[in-house]
Amino acid sequence: MARPWPSELVFSRSKRALDIRFDDGRDMSIPFRTLREESPSAEVQGHGPGEKKIVTGKEKVLVTAAEPVGRYAVRLVFDDGHDSGIFTWDYLYALGESAA
């Protein structure tokens, strides 16, 4: 079975959320806070099991830039300076399902 592919990404400053549509018909909204707190970066996730750091105080964080990484992901830049997370389409789909 083919993995869902994003067909549209909309970064809403007013909602502080990424609205994403996938080609399987799913529309998801992922709060910027969730994206920052669950960043796939080593800074947040650590380098191995049990090393994940709890990130707090990100209720008002904004995404200031999004840069494509090949055809499989996007690197998000947050207004608190965090920019090392590469969000694959699969990871965004999983976050969207969790946020629903």
Protein backbone atom coordinates (compact mmCIF):
# COMPACT_ATOMS: atom_id res chain seq x y z
CA MET A 1 0.00 0.00 0.00
CA ALA A 2 1.31 3.45 -0.89
CA ARG A 3 2.08 5.81 1.95
CA PRO A 4 0.00 8.98 2.15
CA TRP A 5 1.66 11.91 0.41
CA PRO A 6 1.03 15.56 1.32
CA SER A 7 -0.83 17.50 -1.33
CA GLU A 8 -1.00 20.81 0.56
CA LEU A 9 0.71 22.42 3.56
CA VAL A 10 -0.65 25.66 4.99
CA PHE A 11 1.10 27.37 7.90
CA SER A 12 -1.50 29.41 9.79
CA ARG A 13 -0.03 32.03 12.13
CA SER A 14 -3.49 32.94 13.44
CA LYS A 15 -4.28 29.31 14.38
CA ARG A 16 -0.64 28.58 15.27
CA ALA A 17 -1.00 25.33 13.34
CA LEU A 18 0.09 23.47 10.24
CA ASP A 19 -2.92 22.43 8.19
CA ILE A 20 -1.94 19.55 5.97
CA ARG A 21 -3.90 17.65 3.35
CA PHE A 22 -2.82 14.19 2.27
CA ASP A 23 -3.63 12.41 -0.97
CA ASP A 24 -5.64 9.77 0.92
CA GLY A 25 -8.25 12.47 1.62
CA ARG A 26 -7.20 13.18 5.22
CA ASP A 27 -7.05 16.79 6.37
CA MET A 28 -5.06 17.31 9.55
CA SER A 29 -4.18 20.26 11.76
CA ILE A 30 -1.05 20.03 13.89
CA PRO A 31 -0.42 22.81 16.42
CA PHE A 32 2.98 24.51 16.11
CA ARG A 33 3.43 23.73 19.81
CA THR A 34 3.14 20.00 19.08
CA LEU A 35 5.57 20.27 16.18
CA ARG A 36 8.11 22.00 18.43
CA GLU A 37 7.62 19.71 21.43
CA GLU A 38 7.78 16.56 19.29
CA SER A 39 10.54 17.69 16.94
CA PRO A 40 12.37 14.68 15.49
CA SER A 41 15.70 16.41 16.19
CA ALA A 42 18.37 14.79 18.35
CA GLU A 43 18.11 17.89 20.58
CA VAL A 44 14.58 16.78 21.56
CA GLN A 45 14.54 13.03 20.89
CA GLY A 46 18.07 12.30 22.12
CA HIS A 47 20.41 9.81 20.50
CA GLY A 48 18.85 6.62 21.83
CA PRO A 49 15.98 5.06 23.77
CA GLY A 50 15.01 6.88 26.93
CA GLU A 51 16.86 10.10 26.04
CA LYS A 52 13.85 12.18 24.93
CA LYS A 53 13.77 15.61 26.54
CA ILE A 54 10.54 17.19 27.73
CA VAL A 55 10.12 20.56 26.02
CA THR A 56 7.84 23.06 27.77
CA GLY A 57 6.81 26.69 27.44
CA LYS A 58 6.15 26.53 23.70
CA GLU A 59 2.47 27.52 23.71
CA LYS A 60 3.10 30.62 21.58
CA VAL A 61 5.88 29.31 19.30
CA LEU A 62 5.59 30.09 15.60
CA VAL A 63 7.02 28.44 12.51
CA THR A 64 8.97 31.08 10.60
CA ALA A 65 10.21 28.98 7.68
CA ALA A 66 9.80 25.59 6.05
CA GLU A 67 12.45 24.18 3.77
CA PRO A 68 12.00 21.06 1.63
CA VAL A 69 14.38 18.18 2.30
CA GLY A 70 14.47 16.10 -0.86
CA ARG A 71 11.03 14.74 -1.67
CA TYR A 72 10.47 13.05 1.67
CA ALA A 73 10.47 15.74 4.36
CA VAL A 74 10.47 19.36 5.45
CA ARG A 75 12.78 21.16 7.88
CA LEU A 76 10.91 23.60 10.09
CA VAL A 77 12.40 26.75 11.60
CA PHE A 78 10.77 28.03 14.79
CA ASP A 79 10.88 31.55 16.21
CA ASP A 80 12.70 30.28 19.32
CA GLY A 81 15.70 29.42 17.11
CA HIS A 82 15.10 25.66 16.88
CA ASP A 83 15.73 24.49 13.31
CA SER A 84 17.27 21.02 13.41
CA GLY A 85 14.17 18.84 13.10
CA ILE A 86 13.53 17.13 9.77
CA PHE A 87 9.86 16.15 9.62
CA THR A 88 9.22 13.28 7.21
CA TRP A 89 5.79 12.97 5.64
CA ASP A 90 5.22 9.75 7.63
CA TYR A 91 6.10 11.53 10.89
CA LEU A 92 3.78 14.46 10.10
CA TYR A 93 0.99 11.99 9.29
CA ALA A 94 1.51 10.24 12.63
CA LEU A 95 1.55 13.59 14.50
CA GLY A 96 -1.63 14.61 12.69
CA GLU A 97 -3.37 11.41 13.70
CA SER A 98 -2.30 11.95 17.32
CA ALA A 99 -3.49 15.57 17.28
CA ALA A 100 -6.94 14.62 15.94
